[in-house]
């Protein structure tokens, strides 16, 4: 795990801290995270790997809606 000011933190600690935030603060945090170009690149790479792993074909919006909610 990355160190924050030389303190080891793990996912559960981060999750717990974020859960304590007010909704508006959570949304602000999310907005800041998704502005980062590397986040966007990593997100698309992750979703592409999931599509390959689970053999999910490319779909248009209507097909995807049926797939997710059908």
Protein backbone atom coordinates (compact mmCIF):
# COMPACT_ATOMS: atom_id res chain seq x y z
CA UNK A 1 0.00 0.00 0.00
CA UNK A 2 1.13 3.56 -0.57
CA UNK A 3 2.33 5.51 2.41
CA UNK A 4 0.69 8.69 3.53
CA UNK A 5 3.15 10.75 5.52
CA UNK A 6 5.09 7.59 6.34
CA UNK A 7 2.04 5.81 7.77
CA UNK A 8 0.94 2.52 6.22
CA UNK A 9 -2.75 2.61 5.33
CA UNK A 10 -4.88 -0.07 3.76
CA UNK A 11 -8.07 -0.14 1.75
CA UNK A 12 -10.31 -0.83 4.75
CA UNK A 13 -8.97 2.24 6.56
CA UNK A 14 -9.53 4.41 3.50
CA UNK A 15 -13.04 3.02 3.03
CA UNK A 16 -13.85 3.68 6.68
CA UNK A 17 -12.62 7.27 6.43
CA UNK A 18 -14.57 7.93 3.24
CA UNK A 19 -17.73 6.42 4.74
CA UNK A 20 -17.54 9.00 7.52
CA UNK A 21 -17.65 11.89 5.06
CA UNK A 22 -20.84 13.81 4.38
CA UNK A 23 -22.39 13.03 0.99
CA UNK A 24 -21.29 16.33 -0.54
CA UNK A 25 -17.70 15.70 0.56
CA UNK A 26 -17.79 12.20 -0.95
CA UNK A 27 -18.98 13.67 -4.25
CA UNK A 28 -16.23 16.30 -4.15
CA UNK A 29 -13.65 13.59 -3.56
CA UNK A 30 -14.98 11.52 -6.46
CA UNK A 31 -14.91 14.57 -8.76
CA UNK A 32 -11.27 15.22 -7.86
CA UNK A 33 -10.29 11.59 -8.41
CA UNK A 34 -11.94 11.27 -11.82
CA UNK A 35 -10.28 14.49 -13.05
CA UNK A 36 -6.94 12.70 -12.92
CA UNK A 37 -5.99 11.53 -16.42
CA UNK A 38 -4.30 8.41 -15.05
CA UNK A 39 -7.56 7.42 -13.30
CA UNK A 40 -9.38 7.62 -16.61
CA UNK A 41 -6.74 5.52 -18.36
CA UNK A 42 -6.71 2.94 -15.56
CA UNK A 43 -10.53 2.83 -15.45
CA UNK A 44 -10.82 2.09 -19.17
CA UNK A 45 -8.04 -0.50 -19.03
CA UNK A 46 -9.77 -2.18 -16.07
CA UNK A 47 -13.19 -2.27 -17.77
CA UNK A 48 -11.65 -3.61 -20.98
CA UNK A 49 -9.93 -6.38 -19.01
CA UNK A 50 -13.25 -7.29 -17.35
CA UNK A 51 -14.99 -7.43 -20.73
CA UNK A 52 -12.29 -9.78 -22.02
CA UNK A 53 -12.23 -11.88 -18.85
CA UNK A 54 -16.01 -12.44 -18.88
CA UNK A 55 -16.25 -12.52 -22.70
CA UNK A 56 -18.69 -9.59 -22.86
CA UNK A 57 -19.23 -8.50 -26.47
CA UNK A 58 -19.25 -4.87 -27.60
CA UNK A 59 -22.79 -3.50 -27.40
CA UNK A 60 -24.61 -0.32 -28.25
CA UNK A 61 -26.43 1.55 -25.48
CA UNK A 62 -29.75 -0.26 -25.96
CA UNK A 63 -28.12 -3.71 -26.03
CA UNK A 64 -26.09 -2.85 -22.93
CA UNK A 65 -29.23 -1.71 -21.10
CA UNK A 66 -30.93 -5.04 -21.88
CA UNK A 67 -27.80 -6.93 -20.85
CA UNK A 68 -27.52 -5.14 -17.52
CA UNK A 69 -31.20 -5.03 -16.61
CA UNK A 70 -32.67 -7.93 -18.58
